[in-house]
Amino acid sequence: MSSNPSPEAKPLRTFGRTKSRSLSARQQKLVDEFLPTIAIPADGNVSPDDLLPGKSRYVLEIGFGGGEHLSGQAARNPESGFLGVEPFINGVAKALTQINEAGLTNVRLMEGDARDVMARMPDACLDRIYLLFPDPWPKARHAKRRLVQDDTTAEFARLLRPSGQLRVATDVKSYADHALFVLRQNDQLAWQAREADDWRQPPADHLTTRYETKNLGDCIPVFFEFIRC
């Protein structure tokens, strides 16, 4: 039997658990009733222009966690359309609560793997991509499970419009080293740092989340800013 994977083989999972504690009755109601009204389609092409017509900019947040950053940026920038993809149902439920309470109409969500959504999106359809504090897979033998790989980096470049922005943040040194090396290999993305504070200090428009304040990583948060050439 060949050791090569089948063409139909699913890609390695880049995230851990997808659920922790049971959802509250209110959260479950939001998932059952509100999520379908703002959901990114599970099949077919995904066009930000069609999902949120008339917006001046389109933003994708990959792995939005508890939704604080996503909903906060959407509230700050009502002229922009935001797409968020998160595999952790508890995080999706939290985001739905925030979106519902704030009355945000410029957000669309999906529970699942962002790679599936990206593959169904047209070229040059996004103005910004956020990948903030992804699952780090810190052990060397798990490095192939990290989301930032050559193929996903190529997808970032494909989806961003010229001068579009990519922000990757982590508080795990091994992930920072890995991500920066991989991202800098792509000649369609230009790293914007000129001095150490450019990656050591949060960008001016960054919204700090509760996860970030827990200091769970092994280094201070670092922020890598790239521009689509």
C-alpha atoms as a PDB file:
ATOM      1  CA  MET A   1       0.000   0.000   0.000  1.00  0.00           C
ATOM      2  CA  SER A   2       1.308   3.451  -0.913  1.00  0.00           C
ATOM      3  CA  SER A   3       2.235   5.753   1.954  1.00  0.00           C
ATOM      4  CA  ASN A   4       1.215   8.810  -0.037  1.00  0.00           C
ATOM      5  CA  PRO A   5      -2.043  10.431   1.092  1.00  0.00           C
ATOM      6  CA  SER A   6      -5.082  10.184  -1.109  1.00  0.00           C
ATOM      7  CA  PRO A   7      -5.970  13.329  -3.101  1.00  0.00           C
ATOM      8  CA  GLU A   8      -9.223  13.336  -1.139  1.00  0.00           C
ATOM      9  CA  ALA A   9      -7.448  13.223   2.230  1.00  0.00           C
ATOM     10  CA  LYS A  10      -8.452  15.991   4.557  1.00  0.00           C
ATOM     11  CA  PRO A  11      -5.781  18.511   5.576  1.00  0.00           C
ATOM     12  CA  LEU A  12      -4.327  18.198   9.047  1.00  0.00           C
ATOM     13  CA  ARG A  13      -6.326  19.938  11.739  1.00  0.00           C
ATOM     14  CA  THR A  14      -4.703  23.176  12.842  1.00  0.00           C
ATOM     15  CA  PHE A  15      -6.848  23.660  15.950  1.00  0.00           C
ATOM     16  CA  GLY A  16      -7.520  21.700  19.127  1.00  0.00           C
ATOM     17  CA  ARG A  17     -10.852  21.140  20.829  1.00  0.00           C
ATOM     18  CA  THR A  18     -14.024  22.501  19.275  1.00  0.00           C
ATOM     19  CA  LYS A  19     -16.176  22.608  22.417  1.00  0.00           C
ATOM     20  CA  SER A  20     -15.658  22.855  26.177  1.00  0.00           C
ATOM     21  CA  ARG A  21     -18.576  23.405  28.537  1.00  0.00           C
ATOM     22  CA  SER A  22     -22.175  23.120  27.419  1.00  0.00           C
ATOM     23  CA  LEU A  23     -23.729  26.255  25.977  1.00  0.00           C
ATOM     24  CA  SER A  24     -26.232  28.172  28.067  1.00  0.00           C
ATOM     25  CA  ALA A  25     -29.839  28.133  26.912  1.00  0.00           C
ATOM     26  CA  ARG A  26     -29.421  31.672  25.611  1.00  0.00           C
ATOM     27  CA  GLN A  27     -26.249  30.819  23.725  1.00  0.00           C
ATOM     28  CA  GLN A  28     -27.834  27.732  22.195  1.00  0.00           C
ATOM     29  CA  LYS A  29     -30.794  29.814  21.043  1.00  0.00           C
ATOM     30  CA  LEU A  30     -28.411  32.270  19.352  1.00  0.00           C
ATOM     31  CA  VAL A  31     -26.588  29.412  17.627  1.00  0.00           C
ATOM     32  CA  ASP A  32     -29.856  27.832  16.492  1.00  0.00           C
ATOM     33  CA  GLU A  33     -31.723  30.967  15.463  1.00  0.00           C
ATOM     34  CA  PHE A  34     -29.380  33.947  15.048  1.00  0.00           C
ATOM     35  CA  LEU A  35     -26.331  32.282  13.494  1.00  0.00           C
ATOM     36  CA  PRO A  36     -28.232  31.090  10.399  1.00  0.00           C
ATOM     37  CA  THR A  37     -29.199  34.701   9.655  1.00  0.00           C
ATOM     38  CA  ILE A  38     -25.566  35.886   9.537  1.00  0.00           C
ATOM     39  CA  ALA A  39     -23.822  32.673   8.497  1.00  0.00           C
ATOM     40  CA  ILE A  40     -21.184  32.347   5.809  1.00  0.00           C
ATOM     41  CA  PRO A  41     -22.497  29.646   3.455  1.00  0.00           C
ATOM     42  CA  ALA A  42     -21.196  26.164   4.172  1.00  0.00           C
ATOM     43  CA  ASP A  43     -20.971  25.346   0.454  1.00  0.00           C
ATOM     44  CA  GLY A  44     -20.329  27.176  -2.782  1.00  0.00           C
ATOM     45  CA  ASN A  45     -18.478  30.381  -3.516  1.00  0.00           C
ATOM     46  CA  VAL A  46     -17.970  32.900  -0.736  1.00  0.00           C
ATOM     47  CA  SER A  47     -17.934  36.486  -1.999  1.00  0.00           C
ATOM     48  CA  PRO A  48     -17.624  39.229   0.632  1.00  0.00           C
ATOM     49  CA  ASP A  49     -19.320  41.641  -1.767  1.00  0.00           C
ATOM     50  CA  ASP A  50     -22.364  39.377  -1.944  1.00  0.00           C
ATOM     51  CA  LEU A  51     -22.482  38.625   1.780  1.00  0.00           C
ATOM     52  CA  LEU A  52     -22.133  42.271   2.809  1.00  0.00           C
ATOM     53  CA  PRO A  53     -22.873  44.434  -0.220  1.00  0.00           C
ATOM     54  CA  GLY A  54     -21.901  48.080  -0.326  1.00  0.00           C
ATOM     55  CA  LYS A  55     -19.049  47.992   2.196  1.00  0.00           C
ATOM     56  CA  SER A  56     -15.897  49.967   1.476  1.00  0.00           C
ATOM     57  CA  ARG A  57     -13.505  47.327   2.859  1.00  0.00           C
ATOM     58  CA  TYR A  58     -13.639  43.632   3.626  1.00  0.00           C
ATOM     59  CA  VAL A  59     -11.861  41.924   6.497  1.00  0.00           C
ATOM     60  CA  LEU A  60     -11.368  38.262   7.414  1.00  0.00           C
ATOM     61  CA  GLU A  61     -10.515  37.187  10.965  1.00  0.00           C
ATOM     62  CA  ILE A  62      -9.260  33.619  11.217  1.00  0.00           C
ATOM     63  CA  GLY A  63      -9.895  31.970  14.569  1.00  0.00           C
ATOM     64  CA  PHE A  64     -11.615  34.838  16.378  1.00  0.00           C
ATOM     65  CA  GLY A  65     -11.693  33.104  19.759  1.00  0.00           C
ATOM     66  CA  GLY A  66     -14.276  34.722  22.017  1.00  0.00           C
ATOM     67  CA  GLY A  67     -15.110  37.340  19.383  1.00  0.00           C
ATOM     68  CA  GLU A  68     -13.968  40.389  21.357  1.00  0.00           C
ATOM     69  CA  HIS A  69     -11.565  41.603  18.683  1.00  0.00           C
ATOM     70  CA  LEU A  70     -13.909  40.809  15.810  1.00  0.00           C
ATOM     71  CA  SER A  71     -16.962  42.509  17.290  1.00  0.00           C
ATOM     72  CA  GLY A  72     -14.887  45.424  18.572  1.00  0.00           C
ATOM     73  CA  GLN A  73     -13.356  46.107  15.163  1.00  0.00           C
ATOM     74  CA  ALA A  74     -16.757  45.753  13.497  1.00  0.00           C
ATOM     75  CA  ALA A  75     -18.245  48.303  15.897  1.00  0.00           C
ATOM     76  CA  ARG A  76     -15.366  50.699  15.264  1.00  0.00           C
ATOM     77  CA  ASN A  77     -15.583  50.320  11.491  1.00  0.00           C
ATOM     78  CA  PRO A  78     -19.232  50.103  10.414  1.00  0.00           C
ATOM     79  CA  GLU A  79     -18.268  50.971   6.834  1.00  0.00           C
ATOM     80  CA  SER A  80     -16.300  47.701   6.597  1.00  0.00           C
ATOM     81  CA  GLY A  81     -17.596  44.165   6.241  1.00  0.00           C
ATOM     82  CA  PHE A  82     -16.171  41.512   8.581  1.00  0.00           C
ATOM     83  CA  LEU A  83     -16.048  37.775   8.056  1.00  0.00           C
ATOM     84  CA  GLY A  84     -15.060  35.591  11.012  1.00  0.00           C
ATOM     85  CA  VAL A  85     -14.339  31.860  11.073  1.00  0.00           C
ATOM     86  CA  GLU A  86     -13.839  29.956  14.324  1.00  0.00           C
ATOM     87  CA  PRO A  87     -13.870  26.175  14.972  1.00  0.00           C
ATOM     88  CA  PHE A  88     -14.692  26.478  18.693  1.00  0.00           C
ATOM     89  CA  ILE A  89     -18.474  26.572  19.132  1.00  0.00           C
ATOM     90  CA  ASN A  90     -18.210  28.257  22.537  1.00  0.00           C
ATOM     91  CA  GLY A  91     -16.290  31.099  20.912  1.00  0.00           C
ATOM     92  CA  VAL A  92     -18.892  31.370  18.158  1.00  0.00           C
ATOM     93  CA  ALA A  93     -21.623  31.578  20.799  1.00  0.00           C
ATOM     94  CA  LYS A  94     -19.778  34.356  22.630  1.00  0.00           C
ATOM     95  CA  ALA A  95     -19.320  36.287  19.393  1.00  0.00           C
ATOM     96  CA  LEU A  96     -23.004  35.913  18.572  1.00  0.00           C
ATOM     97  CA  THR A  97     -23.888  37.365  21.975  1.00  0.00           C
ATOM     98  CA  GLN A  98     -21.696  40.415  21.358  1.00  0.00           C
ATOM     99  CA  ILE A  99     -22.923  40.939  17.805  1.00  0.00           C
ATOM    100  CA  ASN A 100     -26.543  40.622  18.872  1.00  0.00           C
ATOM    101  CA  GLU A 101     -26.229  42.922  21.881  1.00  0.00           C
ATOM    102  CA  ALA A 102     -24.384  45.588  19.876  1.00  0.00           C
ATOM    103  CA  GLY A 103     -26.789  45.342  16.955  1.00  0.00           C
ATOM    104  CA  LEU A 104     -23.943  44.857  14.481  1.00  0.00           C
ATOM    105  CA  THR A 105     -25.041  44.304  10.898  1.00  0.00           C
ATOM    106  CA  ASN A 106     -21.612  44.174   9.244  1.00  0.00           C
ATOM    107  CA  VAL A 107     -20.450  40.742  10.445  1.00  0.00           C
ATOM    108  CA  ARG A 108     -20.827  37.259   8.996  1.00  0.00           C
ATOM    109  CA  LEU A 109     -19.683  34.127  10.851  1.00  0.00           C
ATOM    110  CA  MET A 110     -18.908  30.491  10.297  1.00  0.00           C
ATOM    111  CA  GLU A 111     -18.125  27.692  12.721  1.00  0.00           C
ATOM    112  CA  GLY A 112     -15.420  25.627  11.047  1.00  0.00           C
ATOM    113  CA  ASP A 113     -12.032  25.585   9.372  1.00  0.00           C
ATOM    114  CA  ALA A 114     -10.998  28.887   7.799  1.00  0.00           C
ATOM    115  CA  ARG A 115      -9.040  27.093   5.094  1.00  0.00           C
ATOM    116  CA  ASP A 116     -12.307  25.792   3.663  1.00  0.00           C
ATOM    117  CA  VAL A 117     -13.724  29.303   3.488  1.00  0.00           C
ATOM    118  CA  MET A 118     -10.581  30.811   1.988  1.00  0.00           C
ATOM    119  CA  ALA A 119     -10.515  28.182  -0.758  1.00  0.00           C
ATOM    120  CA  ARG A 120     -14.003  29.275  -1.825  1.00  0.00           C
ATOM    121  CA  MET A 121     -13.248  33.003  -1.943  1.00  0.00           C
ATOM    122  CA  PRO A 122     -12.291  34.899  -5.133  1.00  0.00           C
ATOM    123  CA  ASP A 123      -8.912  36.452  -5.762  1.00  0.00           C
ATOM    124  CA  ALA A 124      -8.165  39.918  -4.374  1.00  0.00           C
ATOM    125  CA  CYS A 125     -11.410  40.192  -2.393  1.00  0.00           C
ATOM    126  CA  LEU A 126     -10.035  41.244   1.010  1.00  0.00           C
ATOM    127  CA  ASP A 127      -8.450  44.394   2.374  1.00  0.00           C
ATOM    128  CA  ARG A 128      -7.222  42.851   5.618  1.00  0.00           C
ATOM    129  CA  ILE A 129      -6.683  39.460   7.230  1.00  0.00           C
ATOM    130  CA  TYR A 130      -6.247  38.947  10.976  1.00  0.00           C
ATOM    131  CA  LEU A 131      -4.667  35.806  12.411  1.00  0.00           C
ATOM    132  CA  LEU A 132      -4.357  36.546  16.110  1.00  0.00           C
ATOM    133  CA  PHE A 133      -2.973  34.055  18.623  1.00  0.00           C
ATOM    134  CA  PRO A 134      -3.694  30.865  16.677  1.00  0.00           C
ATOM    135  CA  ASP A 135      -3.217  27.454  18.275  1.00  0.00           C
ATOM    136  CA  PRO A 136       0.590  27.370  18.577  1.00  0.00           C
ATOM    137  CA  TRP A 137       1.358  23.639  18.423  1.00  0.00           C
ATOM    138  CA  PRO A 138       4.643  24.418  20.214  1.00  0.00           C
ATOM    139  CA  LYS A 139       6.252  20.987  19.909  1.00  0.00           C
ATOM    140  CA  ALA A 140       8.471  20.528  16.867  1.00  0.00           C
ATOM    141  CA  ARG A 141       6.726  17.309  15.855  1.00  0.00           C
ATOM    142  CA  HIS A 142       3.447  19.224  15.608  1.00  0.00           C
ATOM    143  CA  ALA A 143       4.818  22.096  13.510  1.00  0.00           C
ATOM    144  CA  LYS A 144       3.024  20.837  10.394  1.00  0.00           C
ATOM    145  CA  ARG A 145      -0.278  21.512  12.182  1.00  0.00           C
ATOM    146  CA  ARG A 146       0.402  25.237  12.524  1.00  0.00           C
ATOM    147  CA  LEU A 147      -1.904  27.285  10.344  1.00  0.00           C
ATOM    148  CA  VAL A 148       0.888  29.376   8.855  1.00  0.00           C
ATOM    149  CA  GLN A 149       2.379  27.156   6.152  1.00  0.00           C
ATOM    150  CA  ASP A 150       3.499  27.785   2.586  1.00  0.00           C
ATOM    151  CA  ASP A 151       0.080  26.925   1.168  1.00  0.00           C
ATOM    152  CA  THR A 152      -1.928  29.085   3.567  1.00  0.00           C
ATOM    153  CA  THR A 153       0.518  31.955   3.086  1.00  0.00           C
ATOM    154  CA  ALA A 154      -0.067  31.688  -0.664  1.00  0.00           C
ATOM    155  CA  GLU A 155      -3.803  31.845   0.038  1.00  0.00           C
ATOM    156  CA  PHE A 156      -3.358  35.008   2.113  1.00  0.00           C
ATOM    157  CA  ALA A 157      -1.519  36.610  -0.800  1.00  0.00           C
ATOM    158  CA  ARG A 158      -4.143  35.454  -3.294  1.00  0.00           C
ATOM    159  CA  LEU A 159      -7.042  36.840  -1.292  1.00  0.00           C
ATOM    160  CA  LEU A 160      -5.556  40.228  -0.427  1.00  0.00           C
ATOM    161  CA  ARG A 161      -5.953  43.147  -2.761  1.00  0.00           C
ATOM    162  CA  PRO A 162      -2.814  45.132  -3.683  1.00  0.00           C
ATOM    163  CA  SER A 163      -1.732  47.007  -0.519  1.00  0.00           C
ATOM    164  CA  GLY A 164      -4.003  44.763   1.555  1.00  0.00           C
ATOM    165  CA  GLN A 165      -2.785  44.038   5.073  1.00  0.00           C
ATOM    166  CA  LEU A 166      -2.054  40.814   6.958  1.00  0.00           C
ATOM    167  CA  ARG A 167      -1.571  40.849  10.733  1.00  0.00           C
ATOM    168  CA  VAL A 168      -0.287  37.752  12.542  1.00  0.00           C
ATOM    169  CA  ALA A 169       0.097  37.833  16.325  1.00  0.00           C
ATOM    170  CA  THR A 170       1.351  35.232  18.793  1.00  0.00           C
ATOM    171  CA  ASP A 171       2.741  34.945  22.296  1.00  0.00           C
ATOM    172  CA  VAL A 172       4.622  31.693  21.660  1.00  0.00           C
ATOM    173  CA  LYS A 173       8.247  32.062  20.565  1.00  0.00           C
ATOM    174  CA  SER A 174       8.412  28.889  18.491  1.00  0.00           C
ATOM    175  CA  TYR A 175       5.306  29.954  16.565  1.00  0.00           C
ATOM    176  CA  ALA A 176       6.668  33.460  16.066  1.00  0.00           C
ATOM    177  CA  ASP A 177       9.918  32.100  14.639  1.00  0.00           C
ATOM    178  CA  HIS A 178       8.077  29.630  12.419  1.00  0.00           C
ATOM    179  CA  ALA A 179       5.459  32.094  11.152  1.00  0.00           C
ATOM    180  CA  LEU A 180       7.909  34.876  10.385  1.00  0.00           C
ATOM    181  CA  PHE A 181      10.194  32.528   8.466  1.00  0.00           C
ATOM    182  CA  VAL A 182       7.347  31.104   6.379  1.00  0.00           C
ATOM    183  CA  LEU A 183       5.663  34.444   5.691  1.00  0.00           C
ATOM    184  CA  ARG A 184       8.888  36.109   4.577  1.00  0.00           C
ATOM    185  CA  GLN A 185       9.453  33.398   1.960  1.00  0.00           C
ATOM    186  CA  ASN A 186       6.464  34.681  -0.008  1.00  0.00           C
ATOM    187  CA  ASP A 187       7.582  37.489  -2.311  1.00  0.00           C
ATOM    188  CA  GLN A 188       4.019  38.816  -2.615  1.00  0.00           C
ATOM    189  CA  LEU A 189       3.995  39.828   1.054  1.00  0.00           C
ATOM    190  CA  ALA A 190       6.272  42.551   2.415  1.00  0.00           C
ATOM    191  CA  TRP A 191       7.077  42.672   6.128  1.00  0.00           C
ATOM    192  CA  GLN A 192       6.616  46.217   7.399  1.00  0.00           C
ATOM    193  CA  ALA A 193       8.903  46.182  10.462  1.00  0.00           C
ATOM    194  CA  ARG A 194      11.860  48.574  10.500  1.00  0.00           C
ATOM    195  CA  GLU A 195      12.814  48.287  14.168  1.00  0.00           C
ATOM    196  CA  ALA A 196      12.082  45.957  17.098  1.00  0.00           C
ATOM    197  CA  ASP A 197       9.229  48.040  18.507  1.00  0.00           C
ATOM    198  CA  ASP A 198       7.380  47.566  15.231  1.00  0.00           C
ATOM    199  CA  TRP A 199       6.638  43.991  16.249  1.00  0.00           C
ATOM    200  CA  ARG A 200       6.974  44.238  20.018  1.00  0.00           C
ATOM    201  CA  GLN A 201       4.393  46.989  20.467  1.00  0.00           C
ATOM    202  CA  PRO A 202       0.714  46.433  19.611  1.00  0.00           C
ATOM    203  CA  PRO A 203      -0.406  48.333  16.494  1.00  0.00           C
ATOM    204  CA  ALA A 204      -2.337  51.521  17.192  1.00  0.00           C
ATOM    205  CA  ASP A 205      -5.643  49.977  16.083  1.00  0.00           C
ATOM    206  CA  HIS A 206      -5.198  46.714  17.998  1.00  0.00           C
ATOM    207  CA  LEU A 207      -7.889  45.688  20.490  1.00  0.00           C
ATOM    208  CA  THR A 208      -6.514  43.738  23.439  1.00  0.00           C
ATOM    209  CA  THR A 209      -8.600  40.698  24.392  1.00  0.00           C
ATOM    210  CA  ARG A 210      -8.982  38.869  27.677  1.00  0.00           C
ATOM    211  CA  TYR A 211      -6.994  35.958  26.273  1.00  0.00           C
ATOM    212  CA  GLU A 212      -4.074  38.272  25.619  1.00  0.00           C
ATOM    213  CA  THR A 213      -4.072  39.593  29.184  1.00  0.00           C
ATOM    214  CA  LYS A 214      -3.768  36.062  30.620  1.00  0.00           C
ATOM    215  CA  ASN A 215      -0.125  35.860  29.457  1.00  0.00           C
ATOM    216  CA  LEU A 216      -0.387  32.171  28.651  1.00  0.00           C
ATOM    217  CA  GLY A 217       2.490  32.120  26.174  1.00  0.00           C
ATOM    218  CA  ASP A 218       6.221  32.039  26.711  1.00  0.00           C
ATOM    219  CA  CYS A 219       6.977  35.494  25.284  1.00  0.00           C
ATOM    220  CA  ILE A 220       5.386  38.896  25.100  1.00  0.00           C
ATOM    221  CA  PRO A 221       2.882  39.196  22.251  1.00  0.00           C
ATOM    222  CA  VAL A 222       4.489  39.979  18.918  1.00  0.00           C
ATOM    223  CA  PHE A 223       2.672  41.465  15.924  1.00  0.00           C
ATOM    224  CA  PHE A 224       3.822  40.869  12.364  1.00  0.00           C
ATOM    225  CA  GLU A 225       2.412  43.272   9.795  1.00  0.00           C
ATOM    226  CA  PHE A 226       2.616  42.419   6.089  1.00  0.00           C
ATOM    227  CA  ILE A 227       1.447  44.309   3.012  1.00  0.00           C
ATOM    228  CA  ARG A 228       0.370  42.641  -0.227  1.00  0.00           C
ATOM    229  CA  CYS A 229       2.760  43.825  -2.926  1.00  0.00           C
END
